[in-house]
Amino acid sequence: MESAAIEVRGLSRRYGRRWALANVTLRAERGEVVMIAGRNGSGKSTLLRVLATAIRPDAGSAAVLGYDVVRERESVRRATALLSHYSYLYEALSARENLSLIGGAIDEALARVGLAERANDAVSTFSAGMRKRLSFARVLLQRPDVALLDEPYGALDPEGFALVDEVVAELRTRGATVVIATHQIERVAAYSDRVFTLDGGRLRA
């Protein structure tokens, strides 16, 4: 039997005395678009960072495509792409140079996100919205089996919102599982297969 895209059981993560995640259990199947809803501080970002192996859980377990996020980190990382609040872009490098670290159809990806004319400009000159677009180009080039998108609509204008919708649709067409942590509840719920709501680090719905 093929493993689920994401399998989380009793997952907990603490920052100091505060539990960012407390006994969270959820499952997502391959090829689904999954929304993680919740207010600021509800644990959405922490959940995505655990799934991306950026941080380790304090209790419980999580697996991505059957790979344990603690014991099989490299396998998880090869299969996933994380778009987070932090761009992790190299400021001194151009947009093209940042993407060249991944390889692939770089010019096509830059055109796809509306940055073709700024391909050779340093990222340090980019607005927050342009950095977000470049981060999306990086996700597309990674061709992930699981895409973890943390507040993907943040810092974007209405045209950028449409771009996010298109990128999610493109990833879905490729067969990827897409997990979206967002405040844009109504927009994302309209195309999600599954919705989970976190509140105070606990799964409420």
N, C-alpha and C. Protein backbone atom coordinates (compact mmCIF):
# COMPACT_ATOMS: atom_id res chain seq x y z
N MET A 1 0.85 -1.19 0.00
CA MET A 1 0.00 0.00 0.00
C MET A 1 0.89 1.24 0.00
N GLU A 2 0.60 2.17 -0.90
CA GLU A 2 1.40 3.39 -1.02
C GLU A 2 1.21 4.25 0.22
N SER A 3 2.31 4.79 0.72
CA SER A 3 2.24 5.63 1.92
C SER A 3 1.55 6.95 1.59
N ALA A 4 1.02 7.58 2.64
CA ALA A 4 0.39 8.89 2.48
C ALA A 4 1.45 9.93 2.15
N ALA A 5 1.02 11.05 1.58
CA ALA A 5 1.95 12.15 1.34
C ALA A 5 2.48 12.67 2.67
N ILE A 6 1.58 12.82 3.63
CA ILE A 6 1.95 13.33 4.95
C ILE A 6 1.21 12.53 6.01
N GLU A 7 1.95 12.08 7.00
CA GLU A 7 1.37 11.33 8.12
C GLU A 7 1.96 11.90 9.41
N VAL A 8 1.12 12.54 10.20
CA VAL A 8 1.54 13.18 11.45
C VAL A 8 0.80 12.53 12.61
N ARG A 9 1.53 12.10 13.62
CA ARG A 9 0.91 11.42 14.76
C ARG A 9 1.44 11.97 16.09
N GLY A 10 0.53 12.54 16.85
CA GLY A 10 0.88 13.05 18.17
C GLY A 10 2.02 14.04 18.18
N LEU A 11 2.11 14.86 17.15
CA LEU A 11 3.25 15.75 16.97
C LEU A 11 3.20 16.93 17.95
N SER A 12 4.32 17.15 18.63
CA SER A 12 4.42 18.27 19.56
C SER A 12 5.77 18.96 19.39
N ARG A 13 5.75 20.27 19.55
CA ARG A 13 6.98 21.06 19.46
C ARG A 13 6.88 22.23 20.44
N ARG A 14 7.91 22.42 21.22
CA ARG A 14 7.89 23.44 22.26
C ARG A 14 8.97 24.48 22.02
N TYR A 15 8.62 25.75 22.29
CA TYR A 15 9.60 26.84 22.32
C TYR A 15 9.63 27.35 23.75
N GLY A 16 10.68 27.00 24.48
CA GLY A 16 10.70 27.37 25.90
C GLY A 16 9.60 26.64 26.64
N ARG A 17 8.73 27.41 27.29
CA ARG A 17 7.61 26.81 28.02
C ARG A 17 6.34 26.73 27.19
N ARG A 18 6.37 27.32 26.01
CA ARG A 18 5.16 27.36 25.18
C ARG A 18 5.16 26.23 24.17
N TRP A 19 4.04 25.53 24.08
CA TRP A 19 3.88 24.46 23.10
C TRP A 19 3.32 25.06 21.81
N ALA A 20 4.14 25.10 20.78
CA ALA A 20 3.70 25.62 19.48
C ALA A 20 2.81 24.60 18.78
N LEU A 21 3.09 23.32 19.02
CA LEU A 21 2.25 22.22 18.54
C LEU A 21 2.04 21.27 19.70
N ALA A 22 0.81 20.79 19.87
CA ALA A 22 0.51 19.91 20.99
C ALA A 22 -0.35 18.74 20.52
N ASN A 23 0.29 17.59 20.38
CA ASN A 23 -0.41 16.34 20.09
C ASN A 23 -1.25 16.42 18.80
N VAL A 24 -0.63 16.91 17.73
CA VAL A 24 -1.32 17.06 16.45
C VAL A 24 -1.23 15.76 15.64
N THR A 25 -2.37 15.29 15.17
CA THR A 25 -2.44 14.10 14.32
C THR A 25 -3.24 14.44 13.07
N LEU A 26 -2.66 14.21 11.90
CA LEU A 26 -3.37 14.47 10.65
C LEU A 26 -2.73 13.67 9.53
N ARG A 27 -3.45 13.57 8.44
CA ARG A 27 -2.98 12.79 7.29
C ARG A 27 -3.42 13.48 6.00
N ALA A 28 -2.57 13.47 5.00
CA ALA A 28 -2.90 14.01 3.68
C ALA A 28 -2.45 13.01 2.63
N GLU A 29 -3.28 12.79 1.64
CA GLU A 29 -2.97 11.83 0.58
C GLU A 29 -2.17 12.50 -0.54
N ARG A 30 -1.54 11.67 -1.33
CA ARG A 30 -0.74 12.18 -2.44
C ARG A 30 -1.62 12.90 -3.47
N GLY A 31 -1.13 14.02 -3.96
CA GLY A 31 -1.83 14.77 -4.99
C GLY A 31 -2.88 15.73 -4.47
N GLU A 32 -3.07 15.79 -3.15
CA GLU A 32 -4.07 16.68 -2.59
C GLU A 32 -3.52 18.09 -2.38
N VAL A 33 -4.44 19.06 -2.37
CA VAL A 33 -4.13 20.40 -1.90
C VAL A 33 -4.75 20.53 -0.52
N VAL A 34 -3.91 20.83 0.46
CA VAL A 34 -4.33 20.84 1.86
C VAL A 34 -4.13 22.23 2.44
N MET A 35 -5.16 22.74 3.09
CA MET A 35 -5.05 24.04 3.74
C MET A 35 -4.88 23.86 5.24
N ILE A 36 -3.92 24.60 5.81
CA ILE A 36 -3.74 24.67 7.26
C ILE A 36 -4.17 26.08 7.67
N ALA A 37 -5.28 26.18 8.37
CA ALA A 37 -5.82 27.48 8.78
C ALA A 37 -5.53 27.73 10.25
N GLY A 38 -5.62 28.99 10.64
CA GLY A 38 -5.41 29.34 12.04
C GLY A 38 -4.87 30.75 12.17
N ARG A 39 -5.06 31.31 13.36
CA ARG A 39 -4.59 32.67 13.61
C ARG A 39 -3.06 32.70 13.76
N ASN A 40 -2.50 33.89 13.85
CA ASN A 40 -1.07 34.02 14.13
C ASN A 40 -0.75 33.31 15.44
N GLY A 41 0.33 32.55 15.44
CA GLY A 41 0.72 31.85 16.65
C GLY A 41 -0.01 30.54 16.89
N SER A 42 -0.78 30.11 15.90
CA SER A 42 -1.56 28.87 16.08
C SER A 42 -0.73 27.61 15.85
N GLY A 43 0.45 27.76 15.24
CA GLY A 43 1.31 26.61 15.00
C GLY A 43 1.47 26.24 13.54
N LYS A 44 0.89 27.02 12.63
CA LYS A 44 0.93 26.69 11.20
C LYS A 44 2.36 26.62 10.68
N SER A 45 3.12 27.68 10.93
CA SER A 45 4.49 27.73 10.43
C SER A 45 5.35 26.65 11.06
N THR A 46 5.14 26.40 12.34
CA THR A 46 5.92 25.37 13.02
C THR A 46 5.65 24.00 12.40
N LEU A 47 4.41 23.72 12.08
CA LEU A 47 4.07 22.45 11.45
C LEU A 47 4.78 22.29 10.11
N LEU A 48 4.75 23.33 9.28
CA LEU A 48 5.41 23.24 7.98
C LEU A 48 6.92 23.10 8.13
N ARG A 49 7.49 23.77 9.10
CA ARG A 49 8.95 23.68 9.30
C ARG A 49 9.36 22.29 9.80
N VAL A 50 8.52 21.67 10.61
CA VAL A 50 8.80 20.29 11.02
C VAL A 50 8.73 19.37 9.81
N LEU A 51 7.71 19.53 8.98
CA LEU A 51 7.56 18.68 7.79
C LEU A 51 8.72 18.87 6.82
N ALA A 52 9.28 20.07 6.79
CA ALA A 52 10.40 20.36 5.89
C ALA A 52 11.75 19.99 6.50
N THR A 53 11.75 19.49 7.72
CA THR A 53 12.94 19.11 8.49
C THR A 53 13.78 20.31 8.92
N ALA A 54 13.20 21.51 8.89
CA ALA A 54 13.93 22.69 9.33
C ALA A 54 14.10 22.69 10.84
N ILE A 55 13.13 22.12 11.56
CA ILE A 55 13.21 21.96 13.01
C ILE A 55 12.72 20.56 13.36
N ARG A 56 13.11 20.09 14.53
CA ARG A 56 12.73 18.74 14.96
C ARG A 56 11.58 18.81 15.95
N PRO A 57 10.71 17.82 15.94
CA PRO A 57 9.64 17.77 16.94
C PRO A 57 10.20 17.35 18.30
N ASP A 58 9.49 17.71 19.35
CA ASP A 58 9.87 17.27 20.69
C ASP A 58 9.19 15.97 21.07
N ALA A 59 8.09 15.66 20.42
CA ALA A 59 7.37 14.41 20.68
C ALA A 59 6.53 14.07 19.46
N GLY A 60 6.13 12.79 19.38
CA GLY A 60 5.34 12.36 18.25
C GLY A 60 6.19 12.09 17.02
N SER A 61 5.53 11.90 15.88
CA SER A 61 6.25 11.58 14.65
C SER A 61 5.59 12.25 13.45
N ALA A 62 6.38 12.40 12.39
CA ALA A 62 5.87 12.93 11.13
C ALA A 62 6.63 12.27 10.00
N ALA A 63 5.91 11.92 8.96
CA ALA A 63 6.53 11.31 7.79
C ALA A 63 6.02 12.01 6.53
N VAL A 64 6.91 12.18 5.57
CA VAL A 64 6.57 12.75 4.27
C VAL A 64 6.90 11.70 3.22
N LEU A 65 5.90 11.27 2.48
CA LEU A 65 6.04 10.23 1.47
C LEU A 65 6.64 8.94 2.07
N GLY A 66 6.32 8.72 3.34
CA GLY A 66 6.81 7.53 4.01
C GLY A 66 8.16 7.70 4.67
N TYR A 67 8.82 8.84 4.49
CA TYR A 67 10.13 9.10 5.08
C TYR A 67 9.97 9.85 6.41
N ASP A 68 10.58 9.34 7.45
CA ASP A 68 10.52 9.98 8.76
C ASP A 68 11.32 11.29 8.73
N VAL A 69 10.73 12.36 9.26
CA VAL A 69 11.36 13.68 9.16
C VAL A 69 12.59 13.82 10.05
N VAL A 70 12.77 12.92 11.00
CA VAL A 70 13.95 12.95 11.86
C VAL A 70 15.01 11.98 11.36
N ARG A 71 14.61 10.74 11.13
CA ARG A 71 15.58 9.71 10.77
C ARG A 71 15.98 9.74 9.30
N GLU A 72 15.11 10.27 8.44
CA GLU A 72 15.38 10.25 7.00
C GLU A 72 15.28 11.66 6.41
N ARG A 73 15.97 12.58 7.05
CA ARG A 73 15.87 13.99 6.67
C ARG A 73 16.25 14.25 5.22
N GLU A 74 17.33 13.65 4.75
CA GLU A 74 17.79 13.93 3.39
C GLU A 74 16.78 13.45 2.35
N SER A 75 16.15 12.33 2.59
CA SER A 75 15.13 11.83 1.67
C SER A 75 13.93 12.77 1.64
N VAL A 76 13.56 13.29 2.82
CA VAL A 76 12.45 14.26 2.88
C VAL A 76 12.83 15.52 2.12
N ARG A 77 14.04 16.01 2.34
CA ARG A 77 14.46 17.26 1.70
C ARG A 77 14.53 17.15 0.18
N ARG A 78 14.90 16.00 -0.31
CA ARG A 78 14.95 15.82 -1.77
C ARG A 78 13.56 15.86 -2.39
N ALA A 79 12.55 15.52 -1.61
CA ALA A 79 11.18 15.41 -2.14
C ALA A 79 10.33 16.65 -1.90
N THR A 80 10.81 17.56 -1.04
CA THR A 80 9.99 18.70 -0.65
C THR A 80 10.60 20.04 -1.04
N ALA A 81 9.73 21.04 -1.11
CA ALA A 81 10.16 22.43 -1.28
C ALA A 81 9.38 23.27 -0.28
N LEU A 82 10.07 24.13 0.44
CA LEU A 82 9.42 24.98 1.44
C LEU A 82 9.51 26.44 1.01
N LEU A 83 8.35 27.08 0.93
CA LEU A 83 8.29 28.53 0.74
C LEU A 83 7.88 29.10 2.09
N SER A 84 8.81 29.79 2.75
CA SER A 84 8.56 30.24 4.11
C SER A 84 8.53 31.76 4.19
N HIS A 85 8.33 32.27 5.43
CA HIS A 85 8.37 33.71 5.65
C HIS A 85 9.74 34.27 5.30
N TYR A 86 10.77 33.46 5.49
CA TYR A 86 12.14 33.87 5.18
C TYR A 86 12.48 33.39 3.78
N SER A 87 12.97 34.29 2.94
CA SER A 87 13.17 33.94 1.53
C SER A 87 14.38 33.04 1.32
N TYR A 88 15.37 33.11 2.20
CA TYR A 88 16.61 32.34 2.04
C TYR A 88 17.25 32.58 0.67
N LEU A 89 17.12 33.82 0.18
CA LEU A 89 17.75 34.20 -1.07
C LEU A 89 19.08 34.89 -0.78
N TYR A 90 20.00 34.82 -1.73
CA TYR A 90 21.30 35.48 -1.58
C TYR A 90 21.17 36.90 -2.12
N GLU A 91 21.25 37.86 -1.21
CA GLU A 91 20.99 39.26 -1.53
C GLU A 91 21.92 39.81 -2.60
N ALA A 92 23.19 39.46 -2.56
CA ALA A 92 24.18 40.03 -3.47
C ALA A 92 24.10 39.42 -4.87
N LEU A 93 23.46 38.27 -4.99
CA LEU A 93 23.35 37.60 -6.29
C LEU A 93 22.12 38.08 -7.04
N SER A 94 22.16 37.93 -8.34
CA SER A 94 21.00 38.28 -9.16
C SER A 94 19.93 37.20 -9.05
N ALA A 95 18.77 37.50 -9.59
CA ALA A 95 17.69 36.51 -9.59
C ALA A 95 18.13 35.24 -10.34
N ARG A 96 18.76 35.43 -11.49
CA ARG A 96 19.21 34.28 -12.28
C ARG A 96 20.27 33.48 -11.52
N GLU A 97 21.19 34.18 -10.86
CA GLU A 97 22.25 33.49 -10.12
C GLU A 97 21.68 32.69 -8.94
N ASN A 98 20.67 33.24 -8.28
CA ASN A 98 20.03 32.49 -7.19
C ASN A 98 19.43 31.19 -7.70
N LEU A 99 18.79 31.25 -8.84
CA LEU A 99 18.14 30.05 -9.38
C LEU A 99 19.14 29.08 -10.00
N SER A 100 20.29 29.59 -10.41
CA SER A 100 21.29 28.72 -11.02
C SER A 100 21.83 27.70 -10.01
N LEU A 101 21.65 27.97 -8.73
CA LEU A 101 22.06 27.03 -7.70
C LEU A 101 21.20 25.78 -7.72
N ILE A 102 20.02 25.89 -8.33
CA ILE A 102 19.11 24.74 -8.47
C ILE A 102 19.24 24.13 -9.84
N GLY A 103 19.32 24.99 -10.86
CA GLY A 103 19.41 24.50 -12.24
C GLY A 103 18.03 24.33 -12.86
N GLY A 104 18.03 23.90 -14.11
CA GLY A 104 16.77 23.73 -14.82
C GLY A 104 16.50 24.89 -15.76
N ALA A 105 15.25 25.02 -16.15
CA ALA A 105 14.85 26.05 -17.11
C ALA A 105 14.68 27.39 -16.39
N ILE A 106 15.81 28.04 -16.09
CA ILE A 106 15.80 29.23 -15.24
C ILE A 106 15.05 30.39 -15.89
N ASP A 107 15.36 30.69 -17.16
CA ASP A 107 14.71 31.82 -17.82
C ASP A 107 13.20 31.59 -17.94
N GLU A 108 12.82 30.36 -18.18
CA GLU A 108 11.39 30.04 -18.26
C GLU A 108 10.72 30.26 -16.91
N ALA A 109 11.39 29.87 -15.83
CA ALA A 109 10.82 30.04 -14.49
C ALA A 109 10.70 31.51 -14.14
N LEU A 110 11.71 32.31 -14.49
CA LEU A 110 11.66 33.74 -14.21
C LEU A 110 10.52 34.41 -14.98
N ALA A 111 10.36 34.02 -16.22
CA ALA A 111 9.26 34.57 -17.02
C ALA A 111 7.92 34.16 -16.43
N ARG A 112 7.87 32.93 -15.94
CA ARG A 112 6.62 32.40 -15.37
C ARG A 112 6.14 33.23 -14.19
N VAL A 113 7.07 33.78 -13.41
CA VAL A 113 6.68 34.56 -12.23
C VAL A 113 6.80 36.07 -12.46
N GLY A 114 7.01 36.47 -13.71
CA GLY A 114 7.00 37.89 -14.04
C GLY A 114 8.28 38.63 -13.72
N LEU A 115 9.41 37.92 -13.69
CA LEU A 115 10.68 38.57 -13.35
C LEU A 115 11.71 38.51 -14.48
N ALA A 116 11.28 38.23 -15.68
CA ALA A 116 12.23 38.10 -16.80
C ALA A 116 13.07 39.35 -16.99
N GLU A 117 12.46 40.53 -16.84
CA GLU A 117 13.18 41.78 -17.07
C GLU A 117 14.11 42.14 -15.93
N ARG A 118 13.99 41.46 -14.80
CA ARG A 118 14.85 41.74 -13.65
C ARG A 118 15.80 40.58 -13.36
N ALA A 119 15.97 39.71 -14.33
CA ALA A 119 16.75 38.48 -14.14
C ALA A 119 18.17 38.74 -13.67
N ASN A 120 18.79 39.84 -14.14
CA ASN A 120 20.19 40.09 -13.83
C ASN A 120 20.38 41.12 -12.72
N ASP A 121 19.29 41.52 -12.08
CA ASP A 121 19.37 42.49 -10.98
C ASP A 121 19.60 41.78 -9.66
N ALA A 122 20.35 42.42 -8.78
CA ALA A 122 20.61 41.84 -7.46
C ALA A 122 19.33 41.76 -6.66
N VAL A 123 19.19 40.69 -5.91
CA VAL A 123 17.99 40.49 -5.10
C VAL A 123 17.85 41.61 -4.06
N SER A 124 18.96 42.21 -3.66
CA SER A 124 18.92 43.30 -2.67
C SER A 124 18.09 44.49 -3.16
N THR A 125 17.87 44.60 -4.48
CA THR A 125 17.07 45.70 -5.04
C THR A 125 15.60 45.33 -5.19
N PHE A 126 15.24 44.12 -4.83
CA PHE A 126 13.87 43.64 -5.02
C PHE A 126 12.95 44.05 -3.88
N SER A 127 11.69 44.29 -4.22
CA SER A 127 10.66 44.52 -3.20
C SER A 127 10.29 43.18 -2.57
N ALA A 128 9.51 43.23 -1.49
CA ALA A 128 9.08 42.00 -0.82
C ALA A 128 8.27 41.12 -1.77
N GLY A 129 7.42 41.74 -2.59
CA GLY A 129 6.62 40.98 -3.54
C GLY A 129 7.47 40.30 -4.59
N MET A 130 8.51 40.98 -5.06
CA MET A 130 9.40 40.39 -6.06
C MET A 130 10.19 39.23 -5.48
N ARG A 131 10.59 39.35 -4.23
CA ARG A 131 11.29 38.25 -3.57
C ARG A 131 10.38 37.03 -3.45
N LYS A 132 9.12 37.30 -3.15
CA LYS A 132 8.16 36.19 -3.06
C LYS A 132 8.01 35.51 -4.42
N ARG A 133 7.95 36.30 -5.48
CA ARG A 133 7.86 35.73 -6.83
C ARG A 133 9.09 34.87 -7.15
N LEU A 134 10.26 35.37 -6.77
CA LEU A 134 11.49 34.61 -7.03
C LEU A 134 11.48 33.31 -6.22
N SER A 135 10.96 33.36 -5.03
CA SER A 135 10.86 32.15 -4.22
C SER A 135 9.93 31.13 -4.88
N PHE A 136 8.87 31.61 -5.51
CA PHE A 136 7.99 30.70 -6.24
C PHE A 136 8.70 30.09 -7.44
N ALA A 137 9.52 30.88 -8.12
CA ALA A 137 10.29 30.33 -9.25
C ALA A 137 11.20 29.21 -8.76
N ARG A 138 11.79 29.39 -7.60
CA ARG A 138 12.66 28.36 -7.03
C ARG A 138 11.86 27.09 -6.73
N VAL A 139 10.66 27.24 -6.17
CA VAL A 139 9.82 26.07 -5.89
C VAL A 139 9.50 25.31 -7.18
N LEU A 140 9.16 26.04 -8.23
CA LEU A 140 8.84 25.39 -9.50
C LEU A 140 10.04 24.64 -10.06
N LEU A 141 11.22 25.23 -9.95
CA LEU A 141 12.42 24.57 -10.47
C LEU A 141 12.77 23.31 -9.67
N GLN A 142 12.43 23.30 -8.40
CA GLN A 142 12.72 22.13 -7.57
C GLN A 142 11.85 20.92 -7.94
N ARG A 143 10.73 21.19 -8.61
CA ARG A 143 9.79 20.12 -9.01
C ARG A 143 9.53 19.16 -7.84
N PRO A 144 9.01 19.69 -6.74
CA PRO A 144 8.85 18.87 -5.54
C PRO A 144 7.68 17.90 -5.64
N ASP A 145 7.77 16.82 -4.90
CA ASP A 145 6.62 15.92 -4.73
C ASP A 145 5.67 16.47 -3.69
N VAL A 146 6.22 17.24 -2.74
CA VAL A 146 5.42 17.91 -1.71
C VAL A 146 5.88 19.35 -1.61
N ALA A 147 4.97 20.30 -1.83
CA ALA A 147 5.27 21.72 -1.71
C ALA A 147 4.62 22.26 -0.45
N LEU A 148 5.41 22.90 0.40
CA LEU A 148 4.94 23.45 1.66
C LEU A 148 4.97 24.97 1.55
N LEU A 149 3.82 25.60 1.48
CA LEU A 149 3.73 27.03 1.20
C LEU A 149 3.20 27.77 2.43
N ASP A 150 4.06 28.56 3.06
CA ASP A 150 3.69 29.28 4.27
C ASP A 150 3.31 30.71 3.91
N GLU A 151 2.03 31.04 4.06
CA GLU A 151 1.48 32.35 3.71
C GLU A 151 1.94 32.78 2.31
N PRO A 152 1.63 32.00 1.29
CA PRO A 152 2.13 32.31 -0.06
C PRO A 152 1.58 33.61 -0.65
N TYR A 153 0.43 34.09 -0.14
CA TYR A 153 -0.15 35.32 -0.69
C TYR A 153 0.42 36.58 -0.04
N GLY A 154 1.21 36.41 1.01
CA GLY A 154 1.75 37.57 1.72
C GLY A 154 2.66 38.41 0.83
N ALA A 155 2.56 39.72 0.96
CA ALA A 155 3.38 40.71 0.24
C ALA A 155 3.06 40.82 -1.24
N LEU A 156 1.99 40.15 -1.69
CA LEU A 156 1.66 40.18 -3.11
C LEU A 156 0.44 41.04 -3.39
N ASP A 157 0.40 41.60 -4.62
CA ASP A 157 -0.75 42.38 -5.07
C ASP A 157 -1.76 41.44 -5.73
N PRO A 158 -2.91 41.94 -6.18
CA PRO A 158 -3.91 41.06 -6.79
C PRO A 158 -3.36 40.22 -7.94
N GLU A 159 -2.47 40.80 -8.74
CA GLU A 159 -1.86 40.03 -9.83
C GLU A 159 -1.02 38.89 -9.26
N GLY A 160 -0.35 39.16 -8.14
CA GLY A 160 0.43 38.13 -7.47
C GLY A 160 -0.45 37.04 -6.89
N PHE A 161 -1.62 37.42 -6.38
CA PHE A 161 -2.58 36.42 -5.87
C PHE A 161 -2.94 35.44 -6.98
N ALA A 162 -3.19 35.98 -8.17
CA ALA A 162 -3.54 35.12 -9.30
C ALA A 162 -2.38 34.19 -9.64
N LEU A 163 -1.15 34.70 -9.52
CA LEU A 163 0.03 33.89 -9.80
C LEU A 163 0.10 32.70 -8.83
N VAL A 164 -0.17 32.96 -7.54
CA VAL A 164 -0.16 31.87 -6.56
C VAL A 164 -1.17 30.80 -6.95
N ASP A 165 -2.37 31.21 -7.30
CA ASP A 165 -3.40 30.25 -7.70
C ASP A 165 -2.93 29.41 -8.88
N GLU A 166 -2.27 30.07 -9.84
CA GLU A 166 -1.79 29.36 -11.03
C GLU A 166 -0.66 28.39 -10.69
N VAL A 167 0.25 28.81 -9.81
CA VAL A 167 1.36 27.95 -9.42
C VAL A 167 0.83 26.71 -8.68
N VAL A 168 -0.12 26.92 -7.78
CA VAL A 168 -0.70 25.78 -7.06
C VAL A 168 -1.37 24.82 -8.04
N ALA A 169 -2.09 25.37 -9.01
CA ALA A 169 -2.73 24.51 -10.02
C ALA A 169 -1.69 23.75 -10.83
N GLU A 170 -0.58 24.42 -11.15
CA GLU A 170 0.49 23.78 -11.92
C GLU A 170 1.13 22.64 -11.12
N LEU A 171 1.40 22.90 -9.85
CA LEU A 171 1.96 21.86 -8.99
C LEU A 171 1.02 20.67 -8.88
N ARG A 172 -0.25 20.97 -8.75
CA ARG A 172 -1.25 19.89 -8.64
C ARG A 172 -1.28 19.07 -9.92
N THR A 173 -1.21 19.73 -11.06
CA THR A 173 -1.21 19.04 -12.34
C THR A 173 -0.02 18.10 -12.45
N ARG A 174 1.10 18.51 -11.89
CA ARG A 174 2.31 17.67 -11.89
C ARG A 174 2.17 16.46 -10.96
N GLY A 175 1.12 16.47 -10.12
CA GLY A 175 0.93 15.37 -9.19
C GLY A 175 1.47 15.63 -7.81
N ALA A 176 1.93 16.86 -7.55
CA ALA A 176 2.49 17.19 -6.25
C ALA A 176 1.39 17.36 -5.20
N THR A 177 1.74 17.09 -3.97
CA THR A 177 0.89 17.43 -2.83
C THR A 177 1.27 18.83 -2.39
N VAL A 178 0.27 19.68 -2.19
CA VAL A 178 0.54 21.08 -1.83
C VAL A 178 -0.12 21.37 -0.48
N VAL A 179 0.69 21.82 0.47
CA VAL A 179 0.19 22.19 1.80
C VAL A 179 0.34 23.69 1.95
N ILE A 180 -0.78 24.37 2.23
CA ILE A 180 -0.79 25.83 2.28
C ILE A 180 -1.24 26.30 3.65
N ALA A 181 -0.34 26.98 4.37
CA ALA A 181 -0.69 27.65 5.62
C ALA A 181 -1.06 29.08 5.27
N THR A 182 -2.26 29.50 5.62
CA THR A 182 -2.72 30.79 5.10
C THR A 182 -3.80 31.43 5.95
N HIS A 183 -3.88 32.78 5.80
CA HIS A 183 -5.01 33.54 6.34
C HIS A 183 -6.09 33.73 5.28
N GLN A 184 -5.76 33.43 4.03
CA GLN A 184 -6.72 33.61 2.94
C GLN A 184 -7.67 32.40 2.90
N ILE A 185 -8.47 32.29 3.94
CA ILE A 185 -9.27 31.08 4.16
C ILE A 185 -10.23 30.79 3.01
N GLU A 186 -11.05 31.76 2.66
CA GLU A 186 -12.08 31.52 1.64
C GLU A 186 -11.44 31.23 0.28
N ARG A 187 -10.38 31.94 -0.04
CA ARG A 187 -9.75 31.75 -1.35
C ARG A 187 -9.17 30.35 -1.48
N VAL A 188 -8.43 29.90 -0.47
CA VAL A 188 -7.77 28.60 -0.55
C VAL A 188 -8.75 27.46 -0.34
N ALA A 189 -9.75 27.66 0.51
CA ALA A 189 -10.75 26.61 0.75
C ALA A 189 -11.49 26.25 -0.53
N ALA A 190 -11.59 27.22 -1.45
CA ALA A 190 -12.33 26.98 -2.69
C ALA A 190 -11.68 25.92 -3.56
N TYR A 191 -10.35 25.72 -3.41
CA TYR A 191 -9.70 24.71 -4.25
C TYR A 191 -8.98 23.64 -3.43
N SER A 192 -9.21 23.60 -2.12
CA SER A 192 -8.54 22.61 -1.28
C SER A 192 -9.35 21.31 -1.22
N ASP A 193 -8.61 20.20 -1.10
CA ASP A 193 -9.24 18.90 -0.91
C ASP A 193 -9.48 18.61 0.57
N ARG A 194 -8.67 19.24 1.41
CA ARG A 194 -8.71 18.94 2.84
C ARG A 194 -8.32 20.21 3.60
N VAL A 195 -8.98 20.45 4.72
CA VAL A 195 -8.71 21.64 5.52
C VAL A 195 -8.52 21.24 6.98
N PHE A 196 -7.41 21.70 7.58
CA PHE A 196 -7.16 21.49 9.00
C PHE A 196 -7.05 22.86 9.67
N THR A 197 -7.62 22.97 10.86
CA THR A 197 -7.57 24.22 11.61
C THR A 197 -6.80 24.03 12.91
N LEU A 198 -5.77 24.86 13.10
CA LEU A 198 -4.98 24.84 14.33
C LEU A 198 -5.37 26.02 15.20
N ASP A 199 -5.38 25.79 16.50
CA ASP A 199 -5.66 26.86 17.46
C ASP A 199 -4.82 26.58 18.70
N GLY A 200 -3.91 27.50 19.00
CA GLY A 200 -3.05 27.30 20.15
C GLY A 200 -2.21 26.04 20.07
N GLY A 201 -1.83 25.67 18.86
CA GLY A 201 -0.99 24.50 18.67
C GLY A 201 -1.75 23.18 18.63
N ARG A 202 -3.05 23.23 18.78
CA ARG A 202 -3.86 22.01 18.79
C ARG A 202 -4.76 21.95 17.55
N LEU A 203 -4.99 20.76 17.07
CA LEU A 203 -5.88 20.58 15.92
C LEU A 203 -7.32 20.66 16.39
N ARG A 204 -8.05 21.65 15.87
CA ARG A 204 -9.43 21.88 16.32
C ARG A 204 -10.48 21.34 15.34
N ALA A 205 -10.11 21.27 14.08
CA ALA A 205 -11.13 20.82 13.09
C ALA A 205 -10.40 20.31 11.86
